[in-house]
Amino acid sequence: MATILMIDDDSDIVQATRIPLEANGHEFHAASSGAEGLRQVLAVAPDLIILDVMMETYTSGFHVSLSLRNPSPDSPYAACRRTPILMLTAVHTTTPLRFAPDEDYLPVDAFLEKSAGPEALVSMVEGLLAKSRAPGARP
């Protein structure tokens, strides 16, 4: 169905995410750091990216999303600038920080708490993929 790249340093979360997505026919790839994730984006050309916030630093996921959505035509990630990004995070349950998708500061398409079950994950992924493939979707 779709190629999905997950960027997360928690191998248990990666495995718990991999299982329902592969069971629904998706090709799944994983990277355990922001830098590795950016390399994998270029190698895999995913249809959707699942991104953690806190990895090697508390804000690694933010930096990855800003790199991927860099508006410069010279960006190495220009071809995947419109790839949907689902931020799968526990930051809202582990810190007092609160944030939401923001085009300038946190350019992701959706948030999902890591505590959400596999059904919620698959539903969110399918919805983002459908939206990105719909006529009139972002170029």
N, C-alpha and C. Protein backbone atom coordinates (compact mmCIF):
# COMPACT_ATOMS: atom_id res chain seq x y z
N MET A 1 0.81 -1.19 0.00
CA MET A 1 0.00 0.00 0.00
C MET A 1 0.86 1.26 0.00
N ALA A 2 1.61 1.48 1.09
CA ALA A 2 2.43 2.69 1.19
C ALA A 2 3.75 2.34 1.86
N THR A 3 4.75 3.15 1.58
CA THR A 3 6.05 3.02 2.23
C THR A 3 6.08 4.01 3.38
N ILE A 4 6.33 3.48 4.58
CA ILE A 4 6.31 4.30 5.79
C ILE A 4 7.68 4.24 6.44
N LEU A 5 8.18 5.40 6.83
CA LEU A 5 9.44 5.50 7.57
C LEU A 5 9.13 6.01 8.97
N MET A 6 9.60 5.27 9.97
CA MET A 6 9.45 5.70 11.35
C MET A 6 10.81 6.12 11.88
N ILE A 7 10.86 7.31 12.48
CA ILE A 7 12.09 7.83 13.07
C ILE A 7 11.85 7.93 14.57
N ASP A 8 12.42 6.98 15.32
CA ASP A 8 12.19 6.90 16.76
C ASP A 8 13.31 6.06 17.37
N ASP A 9 13.80 6.48 18.53
CA ASP A 9 14.91 5.78 19.17
C ASP A 9 14.47 4.69 20.13
N ASP A 10 13.18 4.47 20.29
CA ASP A 10 12.68 3.44 21.20
C ASP A 10 12.30 2.20 20.39
N SER A 11 13.13 1.17 20.48
CA SER A 11 12.92 -0.02 19.65
C SER A 11 11.61 -0.73 19.97
N ASP A 12 11.14 -0.65 21.21
CA ASP A 12 9.86 -1.27 21.56
C ASP A 12 8.70 -0.55 20.86
N ILE A 13 8.75 0.77 20.83
CA ILE A 13 7.71 1.55 20.15
C ILE A 13 7.76 1.30 18.65
N VAL A 14 8.97 1.21 18.11
CA VAL A 14 9.11 0.94 16.67
C VAL A 14 8.46 -0.41 16.34
N GLN A 15 8.75 -1.42 17.14
CA GLN A 15 8.18 -2.75 16.89
C GLN A 15 6.65 -2.72 17.04
N ALA A 16 6.16 -2.04 18.07
CA ALA A 16 4.72 -1.96 18.30
C ALA A 16 4.02 -1.19 17.18
N THR A 17 4.74 -0.33 16.50
CA THR A 17 4.19 0.42 15.37
C THR A 17 4.29 -0.40 14.08
N ARG A 18 5.41 -1.08 13.94
CA ARG A 18 5.65 -1.90 12.74
C ARG A 18 4.55 -2.96 12.54
N ILE A 19 4.22 -3.66 13.60
CA ILE A 19 3.32 -4.82 13.49
C ILE A 19 1.96 -4.45 12.87
N PRO A 20 1.23 -3.47 13.42
CA PRO A 20 -0.08 -3.19 12.80
C PRO A 20 0.03 -2.57 11.41
N LEU A 21 1.09 -1.82 11.16
CA LEU A 21 1.21 -1.21 9.83
C LEU A 21 1.54 -2.26 8.78
N GLU A 22 2.45 -3.17 9.09
CA GLU A 22 2.74 -4.26 8.14
C GLU A 22 1.54 -5.18 7.98
N ALA A 23 0.78 -5.40 9.06
CA ALA A 23 -0.42 -6.24 8.97
C ALA A 23 -1.46 -5.62 8.04
N ASN A 24 -1.38 -4.31 7.86
CA ASN A 24 -2.30 -3.62 6.95
C ASN A 24 -1.67 -3.38 5.58
N GLY A 25 -0.60 -4.08 5.28
CA GLY A 25 -0.02 -4.08 3.95
C GLY A 25 1.02 -3.02 3.65
N HIS A 26 1.45 -2.27 4.65
CA HIS A 26 2.43 -1.21 4.42
C HIS A 26 3.86 -1.74 4.50
N GLU A 27 4.72 -1.15 3.70
CA GLU A 27 6.16 -1.42 3.78
C GLU A 27 6.72 -0.50 4.86
N PHE A 28 7.47 -1.05 5.80
CA PHE A 28 7.90 -0.30 6.98
C PHE A 28 9.41 -0.24 7.05
N HIS A 29 9.93 0.97 7.29
CA HIS A 29 11.36 1.20 7.49
C HIS A 29 11.51 1.98 8.78
N ALA A 30 12.66 1.84 9.43
CA ALA A 30 12.87 2.56 10.69
C ALA A 30 14.26 3.15 10.75
N ALA A 31 14.36 4.25 11.48
CA ALA A 31 15.63 4.91 11.77
C ALA A 31 15.59 5.29 13.25
N SER A 32 16.74 5.21 13.92
CA SER A 32 16.75 5.41 15.38
C SER A 32 17.27 6.78 15.82
N SER A 33 17.51 7.68 14.89
CA SER A 33 17.94 9.04 15.23
C SER A 33 17.48 9.99 14.14
N GLY A 34 17.51 11.28 14.48
CA GLY A 34 17.13 12.27 13.48
C GLY A 34 18.03 12.24 12.26
N ALA A 35 19.35 12.16 12.49
CA ALA A 35 20.29 12.15 11.37
C ALA A 35 20.10 10.91 10.50
N GLU A 36 19.93 9.76 11.13
CA GLU A 36 19.70 8.53 10.36
C GLU A 36 18.37 8.62 9.63
N GLY A 37 17.37 9.22 10.26
CA GLY A 37 16.07 9.38 9.62
C GLY A 37 16.15 10.24 8.37
N LEU A 38 16.90 11.32 8.44
CA LEU A 38 17.05 12.18 7.25
C LEU A 38 17.76 11.43 6.12
N ARG A 39 18.74 10.61 6.47
CA ARG A 39 19.40 9.79 5.43
C ARG A 39 18.41 8.79 4.83
N GLN A 40 17.59 8.18 5.67
CA GLN A 40 16.61 7.19 5.21
C GLN A 40 15.53 7.83 4.33
N VAL A 41 15.16 9.06 4.63
CA VAL A 41 14.17 9.75 3.80
C VAL A 41 14.66 9.81 2.36
N LEU A 42 15.93 10.12 2.18
CA LEU A 42 16.49 10.19 0.83
C LEU A 42 16.61 8.81 0.19
N ALA A 43 16.92 7.80 0.97
CA ALA A 43 17.11 6.45 0.44
C ALA A 43 15.79 5.74 0.14
N VAL A 44 14.78 5.96 0.96
CA VAL A 44 13.53 5.21 0.89
C VAL A 44 12.42 5.94 0.14
N ALA A 45 12.44 7.28 0.17
CA ALA A 45 11.36 8.11 -0.40
C ALA A 45 10.00 7.65 0.12
N PRO A 46 9.78 7.78 1.43
CA PRO A 46 8.54 7.27 2.02
C PRO A 46 7.31 8.06 1.59
N ASP A 47 6.16 7.39 1.67
CA ASP A 47 4.88 8.03 1.42
C ASP A 47 4.37 8.74 2.67
N LEU A 48 4.90 8.34 3.84
CA LEU A 48 4.50 8.94 5.11
C LEU A 48 5.65 8.73 6.10
N ILE A 49 5.84 9.72 6.97
CA ILE A 49 6.90 9.65 7.99
C ILE A 49 6.24 9.71 9.36
N ILE A 50 6.60 8.79 10.22
CA ILE A 50 6.18 8.82 11.62
C ILE A 50 7.40 9.26 12.41
N LEU A 51 7.26 10.32 13.18
CA LEU A 51 8.40 10.99 13.78
C LEU A 51 8.21 11.18 15.28
N ASP A 52 9.23 10.82 16.05
CA ASP A 52 9.25 11.07 17.48
C ASP A 52 9.79 12.48 17.72
N VAL A 53 9.49 13.06 18.87
CA VAL A 53 10.04 14.37 19.23
C VAL A 53 11.38 14.21 19.91
N MET A 54 11.37 13.47 21.02
CA MET A 54 12.56 13.38 21.87
C MET A 54 13.38 12.14 21.49
N MET A 55 14.55 12.39 20.90
CA MET A 55 15.46 11.31 20.57
C MET A 55 16.82 11.67 21.15
N GLU A 56 17.80 11.97 20.29
CA GLU A 56 19.12 12.32 20.81
C GLU A 56 19.10 13.63 21.60
N THR A 57 18.14 14.49 21.32
CA THR A 57 17.89 15.69 22.13
C THR A 57 16.38 15.79 22.34
N TYR A 58 15.97 16.69 23.23
CA TYR A 58 14.54 16.86 23.48
C TYR A 58 13.78 17.41 22.29
N THR A 59 14.49 18.00 21.35
CA THR A 59 13.83 18.63 20.21
C THR A 59 14.25 18.06 18.85
N SER A 60 14.84 16.90 18.84
CA SER A 60 15.31 16.30 17.58
C SER A 60 14.22 16.22 16.52
N GLY A 61 13.04 15.79 16.92
CA GLY A 61 11.94 15.65 15.96
C GLY A 61 11.55 16.98 15.34
N PHE A 62 11.61 18.05 16.13
CA PHE A 62 11.31 19.37 15.59
C PHE A 62 12.30 19.73 14.50
N HIS A 63 13.58 19.47 14.76
CA HIS A 63 14.61 19.80 13.78
C HIS A 63 14.47 18.98 12.50
N VAL A 64 14.10 17.72 12.65
CA VAL A 64 13.89 16.87 11.48
C VAL A 64 12.73 17.43 10.65
N SER A 65 11.63 17.78 11.30
CA SER A 65 10.48 18.28 10.54
C SER A 65 10.82 19.59 9.84
N LEU A 66 11.57 20.46 10.49
CA LEU A 66 11.97 21.72 9.85
C LEU A 66 12.90 21.46 8.66
N SER A 67 13.79 20.49 8.77
CA SER A 67 14.66 20.14 7.63
C SER A 67 13.84 19.60 6.47
N LEU A 68 12.89 18.73 6.76
CA LEU A 68 12.08 18.12 5.71
C LEU A 68 11.19 19.14 5.00
N ARG A 69 10.73 20.13 5.70
CA ARG A 69 9.81 21.12 5.13
C ARG A 69 10.51 22.42 4.74
N ASN A 70 11.82 22.39 4.69
CA ASN A 70 12.59 23.57 4.29
C ASN A 70 12.11 24.03 2.91
N PRO A 71 11.68 25.29 2.79
CA PRO A 71 11.12 25.75 1.51
C PRO A 71 12.16 26.04 0.43
N SER A 72 13.45 25.99 0.75
CA SER A 72 14.47 26.29 -0.23
C SER A 72 14.44 25.28 -1.38
N PRO A 73 14.48 25.76 -2.62
CA PRO A 73 14.52 24.83 -3.75
C PRO A 73 15.80 24.00 -3.77
N ASP A 74 16.82 24.46 -3.06
CA ASP A 74 18.09 23.73 -2.99
C ASP A 74 18.14 22.70 -1.86
N SER A 75 17.09 22.59 -1.09
CA SER A 75 17.05 21.64 0.01
C SER A 75 17.20 20.22 -0.53
N PRO A 76 18.03 19.40 0.11
CA PRO A 76 18.14 18.01 -0.35
C PRO A 76 16.83 17.23 -0.16
N TYR A 77 15.90 17.79 0.62
CA TYR A 77 14.63 17.12 0.91
C TYR A 77 13.47 17.73 0.13
N ALA A 78 13.75 18.55 -0.87
CA ALA A 78 12.69 19.24 -1.62
C ALA A 78 11.69 18.25 -2.21
N ALA A 79 12.12 17.09 -2.66
CA ALA A 79 11.22 16.12 -3.28
C ALA A 79 10.23 15.53 -2.29
N CYS A 80 10.56 15.57 -1.00
CA CYS A 80 9.66 14.99 -0.01
C CYS A 80 9.05 16.05 0.90
N ARG A 81 9.12 17.28 0.49
CA ARG A 81 8.62 18.40 1.30
C ARG A 81 7.15 18.22 1.68
N ARG A 82 6.36 17.60 0.84
CA ARG A 82 4.93 17.44 1.10
C ARG A 82 4.56 16.05 1.61
N THR A 83 5.55 15.25 1.92
CA THR A 83 5.28 13.94 2.50
C THR A 83 4.62 14.14 3.86
N PRO A 84 3.49 13.50 4.11
CA PRO A 84 2.83 13.68 5.41
C PRO A 84 3.74 13.23 6.56
N ILE A 85 3.72 14.02 7.64
CA ILE A 85 4.48 13.69 8.84
C ILE A 85 3.50 13.56 10.00
N LEU A 86 3.51 12.39 10.62
CA LEU A 86 2.73 12.12 11.82
C LEU A 86 3.71 12.12 12.99
N MET A 87 3.52 13.03 13.92
CA MET A 87 4.38 13.08 15.09
C MET A 87 3.76 12.17 16.14
N LEU A 88 4.43 11.06 16.42
CA LEU A 88 4.00 10.09 17.42
C LEU A 88 4.88 10.32 18.64
N THR A 89 4.29 10.79 19.72
CA THR A 89 5.10 11.28 20.82
C THR A 89 4.47 11.01 22.17
N ALA A 90 5.32 11.01 23.17
CA ALA A 90 4.88 10.94 24.57
C ALA A 90 5.19 12.25 25.27
N VAL A 91 5.62 13.25 24.53
CA VAL A 91 6.06 14.50 25.14
C VAL A 91 4.95 15.18 25.94
N HIS A 92 3.71 15.03 25.51
CA HIS A 92 2.61 15.66 26.25
C HIS A 92 2.35 14.95 27.58
N THR A 93 2.71 13.68 27.68
CA THR A 93 2.49 12.96 28.93
C THR A 93 3.73 12.94 29.81
N THR A 94 4.88 13.27 29.27
CA THR A 94 6.12 13.22 30.06
C THR A 94 6.67 14.59 30.42
N THR A 95 6.13 15.64 29.80
CA THR A 95 6.59 17.00 30.09
C THR A 95 5.37 17.93 30.16
N PRO A 96 5.55 19.12 30.73
CA PRO A 96 4.44 20.08 30.73
C PRO A 96 4.29 20.82 29.41
N LEU A 97 5.13 20.54 28.44
CA LEU A 97 5.06 21.22 27.14
C LEU A 97 3.80 20.85 26.40
N ARG A 98 3.23 21.82 25.71
CA ARG A 98 2.06 21.60 24.86
C ARG A 98 2.30 22.30 23.54
N PHE A 99 2.06 21.59 22.46
CA PHE A 99 2.22 22.18 21.14
C PHE A 99 1.35 21.42 20.16
N ALA A 100 1.21 22.01 18.99
CA ALA A 100 0.38 21.45 17.93
C ALA A 100 1.07 21.74 16.60
N PRO A 101 0.62 21.10 15.52
CA PRO A 101 1.21 21.41 14.22
C PRO A 101 1.15 22.91 13.94
N ASP A 102 2.25 23.42 13.42
CA ASP A 102 2.35 24.85 13.08
C ASP A 102 3.23 24.95 11.85
N GLU A 103 2.74 25.56 10.81
CA GLU A 103 3.44 25.62 9.53
C GLU A 103 4.86 26.17 9.64
N ASP A 104 5.07 27.16 10.51
CA ASP A 104 6.38 27.79 10.62
C ASP A 104 7.29 27.13 11.66
N TYR A 105 6.73 26.71 12.78
CA TYR A 105 7.57 26.25 13.89
C TYR A 105 7.57 24.74 14.09
N LEU A 106 6.49 24.09 13.73
CA LEU A 106 6.39 22.64 13.86
C LEU A 106 5.59 22.10 12.69
N PRO A 107 6.24 22.03 11.53
CA PRO A 107 5.52 21.69 10.30
C PRO A 107 5.28 20.18 10.15
N VAL A 108 4.32 19.70 10.91
CA VAL A 108 3.88 18.31 10.79
C VAL A 108 2.39 18.33 10.48
N ASP A 109 1.87 17.19 10.05
CA ASP A 109 0.46 17.13 9.66
C ASP A 109 -0.47 16.74 10.80
N ALA A 110 0.04 15.96 11.74
CA ALA A 110 -0.81 15.49 12.84
C ALA A 110 0.04 15.01 14.00
N PHE A 111 -0.58 14.96 15.16
CA PHE A 111 0.03 14.42 16.38
C PHE A 111 -0.78 13.21 16.83
N LEU A 112 -0.09 12.25 17.40
CA LEU A 112 -0.76 11.12 18.03
C LEU A 112 0.08 10.73 19.24
N GLU A 113 -0.57 10.54 20.37
CA GLU A 113 0.14 10.12 21.58
C GLU A 113 0.59 8.66 21.43
N LYS A 114 1.77 8.37 21.95
CA LYS A 114 2.29 7.00 21.89
C LYS A 114 1.37 6.02 22.61
N SER A 115 0.59 6.51 23.54
CA SER A 115 -0.31 5.64 24.28
C SER A 115 -1.55 5.24 23.48
N ALA A 116 -1.76 5.87 22.33
CA ALA A 116 -2.91 5.50 21.49
C ALA A 116 -2.72 4.06 21.02
N GLY A 117 -3.79 3.36 20.86
CA GLY A 117 -3.72 1.96 20.45
C GLY A 117 -3.43 1.79 18.97
N PRO A 118 -3.21 0.55 18.56
CA PRO A 118 -2.90 0.28 17.15
C PRO A 118 -4.01 0.68 16.19
N GLU A 119 -5.26 0.58 16.62
CA GLU A 119 -6.37 0.97 15.75
C GLU A 119 -6.31 2.47 15.45
N ALA A 120 -6.03 3.27 16.49
CA ALA A 120 -5.94 4.73 16.30
C ALA A 120 -4.76 5.06 15.39
N LEU A 121 -3.65 4.37 15.56
CA LEU A 121 -2.47 4.58 14.73
C LEU A 121 -2.79 4.29 13.26
N VAL A 122 -3.33 3.11 13.00
CA VAL A 122 -3.64 2.73 11.62
C VAL A 122 -4.66 3.70 11.01
N SER A 123 -5.65 4.08 11.78
CA SER A 123 -6.65 5.02 11.28
C SER A 123 -6.02 6.37 10.93
N MET A 124 -5.15 6.86 11.78
CA MET A 124 -4.48 8.14 11.51
C MET A 124 -3.60 8.04 10.26
N VAL A 125 -2.84 6.96 10.16
CA VAL A 125 -1.97 6.77 9.00
C VAL A 125 -2.80 6.70 7.72
N GLU A 126 -3.86 5.91 7.73
CA GLU A 126 -4.70 5.76 6.54
C GLU A 126 -5.33 7.10 6.15
N GLY A 127 -5.77 7.87 7.15
CA GLY A 127 -6.36 9.17 6.87
C GLY A 127 -5.37 10.14 6.24
N LEU A 128 -4.14 10.18 6.78
CA LEU A 128 -3.12 11.07 6.22
C LEU A 128 -2.73 10.64 4.81
N LEU A 129 -2.63 9.34 4.58
CA LEU A 129 -2.29 8.86 3.24
C LEU A 129 -3.40 9.20 2.25
N ALA A 130 -4.64 9.00 2.65
CA ALA A 130 -5.77 9.31 1.76
C ALA A 130 -5.80 10.80 1.43
N LYS A 131 -5.58 11.62 2.43
CA LYS A 131 -5.58 13.07 2.23
C LYS A 131 -4.46 13.48 1.27
N SER A 132 -3.28 12.87 1.42
CA SER A 132 -2.15 13.25 0.57
C SER A 132 -2.33 12.79 -0.87
N ARG A 133 -3.15 11.78 -1.07
CA ARG A 133 -3.37 11.23 -2.42
C ARG A 133 -4.62 11.80 -3.09
N ALA A 134 -5.40 12.57 -2.35
CA ALA A 134 -6.65 13.11 -2.88
C ALA A 134 -6.38 14.16 -3.96
N PRO A 135 -7.29 14.24 -4.94
CA PRO A 135 -7.16 15.30 -5.94
C PRO A 135 -7.11 16.65 -5.25
N GLY A 136 -6.21 17.49 -5.70
CA GLY A 136 -6.08 18.82 -5.11
C GLY A 136 -5.21 18.84 -3.86
N ALA A 137 -4.58 17.70 -3.53
CA ALA A 137 -3.69 17.68 -2.38
C ALA A 137 -2.50 18.59 -2.66
N ARG A 138 -1.83 18.95 -1.59
CA ARG A 138 -0.66 19.84 -1.73
C ARG A 138 0.27 19.32 -2.80
N PRO A 139 0.83 20.20 -3.62
CA PRO A 139 1.77 19.75 -4.65
C PRO A 139 3.07 19.28 -4.04
